[in-house]
PDB file of all heavy atoms in Angstrom:
ATOM      1  N   LEU A   1     116.263  53.218 -41.095  1.00  0.00           N
ATOM      2  CA  LEU A   1     115.174  54.019 -41.749  1.00  0.00           C
ATOM      3  C   LEU A   1     113.967  53.939 -40.860  1.00  0.00           C
ATOM      4  O   LEU A   1     113.577  52.878 -40.486  1.00  0.00           O
ATOM      5  CB  LEU A   1     114.852  53.499 -43.123  1.00  0.00           C
ATOM      6  CG  LEU A   1     113.633  54.141 -43.823  1.00  0.00           C
ATOM      7  CD1 LEU A   1     113.962  55.580 -44.229  1.00  0.00           C
ATOM      8  CD2 LEU A   1     113.143  53.225 -44.915  1.00  0.00           C
ATOM      9  N   PRO A   2     113.410  55.105 -40.398  1.00  0.00           N
ATOM     10  CA  PRO A   2     112.151  55.068 -39.628  1.00  0.00           C
ATOM     11  C   PRO A   2     111.027  54.425 -40.510  1.00  0.00           C
ATOM     12  O   PRO A   2     110.650  55.055 -41.441  1.00  0.00           O
ATOM     13  CB  PRO A   2     111.903  56.521 -39.230  1.00  0.00           C
ATOM     14  CG  PRO A   2     113.276  57.201 -39.467  1.00  0.00           C
ATOM     15  CD  PRO A   2     113.870  56.449 -40.584  1.00  0.00           C
ATOM     16  N   LEU A   3     110.457  53.390 -40.058  1.00  0.00           N
ATOM     17  CA  LEU A   3     109.308  52.864 -40.766  1.00  0.00           C
ATOM     18  C   LEU A   3     107.985  53.352 -40.315  1.00  0.00           C
ATOM     19  O   LEU A   3     106.985  53.359 -41.158  1.00  0.00           O
ATOM     20  CB  LEU A   3     109.329  51.300 -40.613  1.00  0.00           C
ATOM     21  CG  LEU A   3     110.584  50.607 -41.179  1.00  0.00           C
ATOM     22  CD1 LEU A   3     110.595  49.086 -40.809  1.00  0.00           C
ATOM     23  CD2 LEU A   3     110.807  50.816 -42.658  1.00  0.00           C
ATOM     24  N   LEU A   4     107.782  53.718 -39.020  1.00  0.00           N
ATOM     25  CA  LEU A   4     106.630  54.218 -38.516  1.00  0.00           C
ATOM     26  C   LEU A   4     106.822  54.952 -37.287  1.00  0.00           C
ATOM     27  O   LEU A   4     107.786  54.669 -36.577  1.00  0.00           O
ATOM     28  CB  LEU A   4     105.533  53.126 -38.286  1.00  0.00           C
ATOM     29  CG  LEU A   4     105.840  52.120 -37.213  1.00  0.00           C
ATOM     30  CD1 LEU A   4     105.057  52.440 -35.947  1.00  0.00           C
ATOM     31  CD2 LEU A   4     105.394  50.679 -37.670  1.00  0.00           C
ATOM     32  N   LEU A   5     105.897  55.813 -37.048  1.00  0.00           N
ATOM     33  CA  LEU A   5     105.930  56.625 -35.674  1.00  0.00           C
ATOM     34  C   LEU A   5     104.520  56.434 -35.177  1.00  0.00           C
ATOM     35  O   LEU A   5     103.547  56.915 -35.739  1.00  0.00           O
ATOM     36  CB  LEU A   5     106.309  58.038 -35.918  1.00  0.00           C
ATOM     37  CG  LEU A   5     106.337  58.918 -34.558  1.00  0.00           C
ATOM     38  CD1 LEU A   5     107.459  60.000 -34.750  1.00  0.00           C
ATOM     39  CD2 LEU A   5     105.112  59.558 -34.240  1.00  0.00           C
ATOM     40  N   LEU A   6     104.422  55.808 -33.977  1.00  0.00           N
ATOM     41  CA  LEU A   6     103.144  55.587 -33.355  1.00  0.00           C
ATOM     42  C   LEU A   6     103.049  56.635 -32.117  1.00  0.00           C
ATOM     43  O   LEU A   6     103.650  56.441 -31.093  1.00  0.00           O
ATOM     44  CB  LEU A   6     103.074  54.168 -32.787  1.00  0.00           C
ATOM     45  CG  LEU A   6     101.837  53.716 -32.124  1.00  0.00           C
ATOM     46  CD1 LEU A   6     100.593  53.737 -32.948  1.00  0.00           C
ATOM     47  CD2 LEU A   6     101.994  52.197 -31.667  1.00  0.00           C
ATOM     48  N   PRO A   7     102.196  57.604 -32.259  1.00  0.00           N
ATOM     49  CA  PRO A   7     102.017  58.673 -31.222  1.00  0.00           C
ATOM     50  C   PRO A   7     101.135  58.315 -30.125  1.00  0.00           C
ATOM     51  O   PRO A   7      99.828  58.680 -30.119  1.00  0.00           O
ATOM     52  CB  PRO A   7     101.513  59.849 -32.143  1.00  0.00           C
ATOM     53  CG  PRO A   7     100.665  59.232 -33.212  1.00  0.00           C
ATOM     54  CD  PRO A   7     101.302  57.844 -33.526  1.00  0.00           C
ATOM     55  N   LEU A   8     101.647  57.680 -29.092  1.00  0.00           N
ATOM     56  CA  LEU A   8     100.869  57.332 -28.004  1.00  0.00           C
ATOM     57  C   LEU A   8     101.121  58.132 -26.678  1.00  0.00           C
ATOM     58  O   LEU A   8     102.126  58.842 -26.584  1.00  0.00           O
ATOM     59  CB  LEU A   8     101.032  55.846 -27.633  1.00  0.00           C
ATOM     60  CG  LEU A   8     100.839  54.868 -28.774  1.00  0.00           C
ATOM     61  CD1 LEU A   8     101.149  53.371 -28.323  1.00  0.00           C
ATOM     62  CD2 LEU A   8      99.356  54.952 -29.355  1.00  0.00           C
ATOM     63  N   GLY A   9     100.210  58.110 -25.760  1.00  0.00           N
ATOM     64  CA  GLY A   9     100.334  58.629 -24.448  1.00  0.00           C
ATOM     65  C   GLY A   9      99.877  57.596 -23.457  1.00  0.00           C
ATOM     66  O   GLY A   9      98.954  56.903 -23.699  1.00  0.00           O
ATOM     67  N   VAL A  10     100.474  57.542 -22.293  1.00  0.00           N
ATOM     68  CA  VAL A  10     100.151  56.610 -21.251  1.00  0.00           C
ATOM     69  C   VAL A  10      99.409  57.321 -20.111  1.00  0.00           C
ATOM     70  O   VAL A  10      99.830  58.372 -19.697  1.00  0.00           O
ATOM     71  CB  VAL A  10     101.443  55.930 -20.697  1.00  0.00           C
ATOM     72  CG1 VAL A  10     101.037  54.920 -19.608  1.00  0.00           C
ATOM     73  CG2 VAL A  10     102.172  55.167 -21.853  1.00  0.00           C
ATOM     74  N   ARG A  11      98.369  56.642 -19.607  1.00  0.00           N
ATOM     75  CA  ARG A  11      97.657  57.162 -18.392  1.00  0.00           C
ATOM     76  C   ARG A  11      97.379  56.012 -17.572  1.00  0.00           C
ATOM     77  O   ARG A  11      97.338  54.805 -18.023  1.00  0.00           O
ATOM     78  CB  ARG A  11      96.365  57.954 -18.804  1.00  0.00           C
ATOM     79  CG  ARG A  11      95.264  57.043 -19.444  1.00  0.00           C
ATOM     80  CD  ARG A  11      94.064  57.916 -19.607  1.00  0.00           C
ATOM     81  NE  ARG A  11      94.121  58.842 -20.750  1.00  0.00           N
ATOM     82  CZ  ARG A  11      93.610  60.042 -20.885  1.00  0.00           C
ATOM     83  NH1 ARG A  11      92.961  60.559 -19.855  1.00  0.00           N
ATOM     84  NH2 ARG A  11      93.768  60.773 -21.980  1.00  0.00           N
ATOM     85  N   SER A  12      97.048  56.216 -16.247  1.00  0.00           N
ATOM     86  CA  SER A  12      96.820  55.234 -15.313  1.00  0.00           C
ATOM     87  C   SER A  12      95.256  55.056 -15.232  1.00  0.00           C
ATOM     88  O   SER A  12      94.489  55.982 -15.058  1.00  0.00           O
ATOM     89  CB  SER A  12      97.254  55.500 -13.921  1.00  0.00           C
ATOM     90  OG  SER A  12      96.965  54.514 -13.007  1.00  0.00           O
ATOM     91  N   GLU A  13      94.738  53.759 -15.502  1.00  0.00           N
ATOM     92  CA  GLU A  13      93.346  53.472 -15.445  1.00  0.00           C
ATOM     93  C   GLU A  13      93.262  52.139 -14.678  1.00  0.00           C
ATOM     94  O   GLU A  13      93.692  51.090 -15.021  1.00  0.00           O
ATOM     95  CB  GLU A  13      92.791  53.296 -16.768  1.00  0.00           C
ATOM     96  CG  GLU A  13      92.682  54.551 -17.631  1.00  0.00           C
ATOM     97  CD  GLU A  13      92.016  54.396 -18.937  1.00  0.00           C
ATOM     98  OE1 GLU A  13      91.152  53.489 -19.038  1.00  0.00           O
ATOM     99  OE2 GLU A  13      92.247  55.172 -19.845  1.00  0.00           O
ATOM    100  N   ASN A  14      92.566  52.269 -13.514  1.00  0.00           N
ATOM    101  CA  ASN A  14      92.238  51.097 -12.694  1.00  0.00           C
ATOM    102  C   ASN A  14      93.497  50.320 -12.279  1.00  0.00           C
ATOM    103  O   ASN A  14      93.537  49.077 -12.357  1.00  0.00           O
ATOM    104  CB  ASN A  14      91.269  50.190 -13.394  1.00  0.00           C
ATOM    105  CG  ASN A  14      89.899  50.843 -13.691  1.00  0.00           C
ATOM    106  OD1 ASN A  14      89.372  51.510 -12.786  1.00  0.00           O
ATOM    107  ND2 ASN A  14      89.342  50.699 -14.906  1.00  0.00           N
ATOM    108  N   GLY A  15      94.474  51.022 -11.972  1.00  0.00           N
ATOM    109  CA  GLY A  15      95.810  50.417 -11.608  1.00  0.00           C
ATOM    110  C   GLY A  15      96.590  49.921 -12.738  1.00  0.00           C
ATOM    111  O   GLY A  15      97.600  49.270 -12.428  1.00  0.00           O
ATOM    112  N   MET A  16      96.205  50.152 -13.959  1.00  0.00           N
ATOM    113  CA  MET A  16      97.055  49.633 -15.087  1.00  0.00           C
ATOM    114  C   MET A  16      97.525  50.861 -15.912  1.00  0.00           C
ATOM    115  O   MET A  16      96.855  51.856 -15.919  1.00  0.00           O
ATOM    116  CB  MET A  16      96.208  48.763 -16.005  1.00  0.00           C
ATOM    117  CG  MET A  16      95.978  47.372 -15.455  1.00  0.00           C
ATOM    118  SD  MET A  16      95.004  46.375 -16.629  1.00  0.00           S
ATOM    119  CE  MET A  16      93.483  47.361 -16.779  1.00  0.00           C
ATOM    120  N   ALA A  17      98.670  50.716 -16.574  1.00  0.00           N
ATOM    121  CA  ALA A  17      99.208  51.696 -17.454  1.00  0.00           C
ATOM    122  C   ALA A  17      98.582  51.435 -18.851  1.00  0.00           C
ATOM    123  O   ALA A  17      98.876  50.393 -19.465  1.00  0.00           O
ATOM    124  CB  ALA A  17     100.660  51.655 -17.520  1.00  0.00           C
ATOM    125  N   VAL A  18      97.720  52.292 -19.313  1.00  0.00           N
ATOM    126  CA  VAL A  18      97.056  52.118 -20.593  1.00  0.00           C
ATOM    127  C   VAL A  18      97.617  53.122 -21.649  1.00  0.00           C
ATOM    128  O   VAL A  18      97.618  54.345 -21.282  1.00  0.00           O
ATOM    129  CB  VAL A  18      95.502  52.369 -20.462  1.00  0.00           C
ATOM    130  CG1 VAL A  18      94.871  52.169 -21.758  1.00  0.00           C
ATOM    131  CG2 VAL A  18      94.954  51.341 -19.453  1.00  0.00           C
ATOM    132  N   ALA A  19      98.093  52.698 -22.779  1.00  0.00           N
ATOM    133  CA  ALA A  19      98.567  53.581 -23.758  1.00  0.00           C
ATOM    134  C   ALA A  19      97.443  53.789 -24.877  1.00  0.00           C
ATOM    135  O   ALA A  19      96.965  52.838 -25.475  1.00  0.00           O
ATOM    136  CB  ALA A  19      99.819  52.901 -24.425  1.00  0.00           C
ATOM    137  N   CYS A  20      97.194  55.040 -25.110  1.00  0.00           N
ATOM    138  CA  CYS A  20      96.181  55.366 -26.155  1.00  0.00           C
ATOM    139  C   CYS A  20      96.743  56.402 -27.060  1.00  0.00           C
ATOM    140  O   CYS A  20      97.835  57.008 -26.796  1.00  0.00           O
ATOM    141  CB  CYS A  20      95.034  56.052 -25.505  1.00  0.00           C
ATOM    142  SG  CYS A  20      94.249  55.140 -24.175  1.00  0.00           S
ATOM    143  N   TYR A  21      96.236  56.609 -28.205  1.00  0.00           N
ATOM    144  CA  TYR A  21      96.619  57.614 -29.131  1.00  0.00           C
ATOM    145  C   TYR A  21      96.533  59.039 -28.457  1.00  0.00           C
ATOM    146  O   TYR A  21      95.607  59.330 -27.696  1.00  0.00           O
ATOM    147  CB  TYR A  21      95.841  57.671 -30.403  1.00  0.00           C
ATOM    148  CG  TYR A  21      96.155  56.641 -31.406  1.00  0.00           C
ATOM    149  CD1 TYR A  21      95.323  55.500 -31.489  1.00  0.00           C
ATOM    150  CD2 TYR A  21      97.250  56.687 -32.205  1.00  0.00           C
ATOM    151  CE1 TYR A  21      95.636  54.515 -32.439  1.00  0.00           C
ATOM    152  CE2 TYR A  21      97.538  55.697 -33.150  1.00  0.00           C
ATOM    153  CZ  TYR A  21      96.774  54.602 -33.236  1.00  0.00           C
ATOM    154  OH  TYR A  21      96.994  53.592 -34.135  1.00  0.00           O
ATOM    155  N   LEU A  22      97.481  59.909 -28.650  1.00  0.00           N
ATOM    156  CA  LEU A  22      97.397  61.257 -28.247  1.00  0.00           C
ATOM    157  C   LEU A  22      96.256  62.016 -28.926  1.00  0.00           C
ATOM    158  O   LEU A  22      95.891  61.617 -30.050  1.00  0.00           O
ATOM    159  CB  LEU A  22      98.717  62.012 -28.548  1.00  0.00           C
ATOM    160  CG  LEU A  22      99.993  61.524 -27.788  1.00  0.00           C
ATOM    161  CD1 LEU A  22     101.161  62.224 -28.349  1.00  0.00           C
ATOM    162  CD2 LEU A  22      99.901  61.715 -26.342  1.00  0.00           C
ATOM    163  N   GLY A  23      95.710  62.892 -28.219  1.00  0.00           N
ATOM    164  CA  GLY A  23      94.600  63.718 -28.860  1.00  0.00           C
ATOM    165  C   GLY A  23      93.192  63.392 -28.284  1.00  0.00           C
ATOM    166  O   GLY A  23      92.317  64.173 -28.413  1.00  0.00           O
ATOM    167  N   GLY A  24      93.092  62.199 -27.601  1.00  0.00           N
ATOM    168  CA  GLY A  24      91.853  61.925 -26.916  1.00  0.00           C
ATOM    169  C   GLY A  24      90.600  61.967 -27.831  1.00  0.00           C
ATOM    170  O   GLY A  24      90.640  61.644 -29.032  1.00  0.00           O
ATOM    171  N   LYS A  25      89.469  62.427 -27.256  1.00  0.00           N
ATOM    172  CA  LYS A  25      88.208  62.467 -27.985  1.00  0.00           C
ATOM    173  C   LYS A  25      88.185  63.574 -28.991  1.00  0.00           C
ATOM    174  O   LYS A  25      87.183  63.655 -29.726  1.00  0.00           O
ATOM    175  CB  LYS A  25      87.116  62.613 -26.908  1.00  0.00           C
ATOM    176  CG  LYS A  25      87.295  63.922 -26.092  1.00  0.00           C
ATOM    177  CD  LYS A  25      86.267  63.881 -24.866  1.00  0.00           C
ATOM    178  CE  LYS A  25      86.502  64.972 -23.993  1.00  0.00           C
ATOM    179  NZ  LYS A  25      85.645  64.912 -22.710  1.00  0.00           N
ATOM    180  N   HIS A  26      89.158  64.418 -29.026  1.00  0.00           N
ATOM    181  CA  HIS A  26      89.083  65.547 -30.028  1.00  0.00           C
ATOM    182  C   HIS A  26      89.565  65.038 -31.509  1.00  0.00           C
ATOM    183  O   HIS A  26      89.510  65.827 -32.394  1.00  0.00           O
ATOM    184  CB  HIS A  26      89.960  66.707 -29.537  1.00  0.00           C
ATOM    185  CG  HIS A  26      89.526  67.218 -28.247  1.00  0.00           C
ATOM    186  ND1 HIS A  26      88.399  68.161 -28.107  1.00  0.00           N
ATOM    187  CD2 HIS A  26      89.938  66.970 -26.979  1.00  0.00           C
ATOM    188  CE1 HIS A  26      88.207  68.371 -26.894  1.00  0.00           C
ATOM    189  NE2 HIS A  26      89.108  67.746 -26.111  1.00  0.00           N
ATOM    190  N   ILE A  27      90.047  63.792 -31.506  1.00  0.00           N
ATOM    191  CA  ILE A  27      90.639  63.365 -32.741  1.00  0.00           C
ATOM    192  C   ILE A  27      89.649  62.358 -33.358  1.00  0.00           C
ATOM    193  O   ILE A  27      89.231  61.354 -32.636  1.00  0.00           O
ATOM    194  CB  ILE A  27      91.949  62.692 -32.528  1.00  0.00           C
ATOM    195  CG1 ILE A  27      92.932  63.647 -31.827  1.00  0.00           C
ATOM    196  CG2 ILE A  27      92.583  62.077 -33.751  1.00  0.00           C
ATOM    197  CD1 ILE A  27      93.275  64.934 -32.569  1.00  0.00           C
ATOM    198  N   THR A  28      89.279  62.425 -34.624  1.00  0.00           N
ATOM    199  CA  THR A  28      88.407  61.506 -35.177  1.00  0.00           C
ATOM    200  C   THR A  28      89.071  60.258 -35.611  1.00  0.00           C
ATOM    201  O   THR A  28      88.585  59.096 -35.344  1.00  0.00           O
ATOM    202  CB  THR A  28      87.630  62.210 -36.404  1.00  0.00           C
ATOM    203  OG1 THR A  28      86.878  63.239 -36.028  1.00  0.00           O
ATOM    204  CG2 THR A  28      86.700  61.195 -37.127  1.00  0.00           C
ATOM    205  N   PHE A  29      90.254  60.370 -36.311  1.00  0.00           N
ATOM    206  CA  PHE A  29      90.936  59.221 -36.823  1.00  0.00           C
ATOM    207  C   PHE A  29      92.318  59.135 -36.204  1.00  0.00           C
ATOM    208  O   PHE A  29      92.960  60.131 -36.157  1.00  0.00           O
ATOM    209  CB  PHE A  29      91.049  59.230 -38.325  1.00  0.00           C
ATOM    210  CG  PHE A  29      89.738  59.212 -39.057  1.00  0.00           C
ATOM    211  CD1 PHE A  29      89.392  60.359 -39.878  1.00  0.00           C
ATOM    212  CD2 PHE A  29      88.876  58.186 -38.986  1.00  0.00           C
ATOM    213  CE1 PHE A  29      88.215  60.411 -40.557  1.00  0.00           C
ATOM    214  CE2 PHE A  29      87.656  58.177 -39.661  1.00  0.00           C
ATOM    215  CZ  PHE A  29      87.355  59.324 -40.404  1.00  0.00           C
ATOM    216  N   ASN A  30      92.702  57.941 -35.827  1.00  0.00           N
ATOM    217  CA  ASN A  30      94.099  57.618 -35.285  1.00  0.00           C
ATOM    218  C   ASN A  30      94.820  56.630 -36.035  1.00  0.00           C
ATOM    219  O   ASN A  30      94.173  55.611 -36.472  1.00  0.00           O
ATOM    220  CB  ASN A  30      93.882  57.103 -33.877  1.00  0.00           C
ATOM    221  CG  ASN A  30      93.304  58.111 -32.768  1.00  0.00           C
ATOM    222  OD1 ASN A  30      93.923  59.263 -32.658  1.00  0.00           O
ATOM    223  ND2 ASN A  30      92.197  57.877 -32.219  1.00  0.00           N
TER     224      ASN A  30
END
């Protein structure tokens, strides 16, 4: 049974792979 879905996206920042919520600054709540 799927208990949760975490909608992330990965980008490179200062040589690291950083995972953030999709939607960026256009989304108020994540």
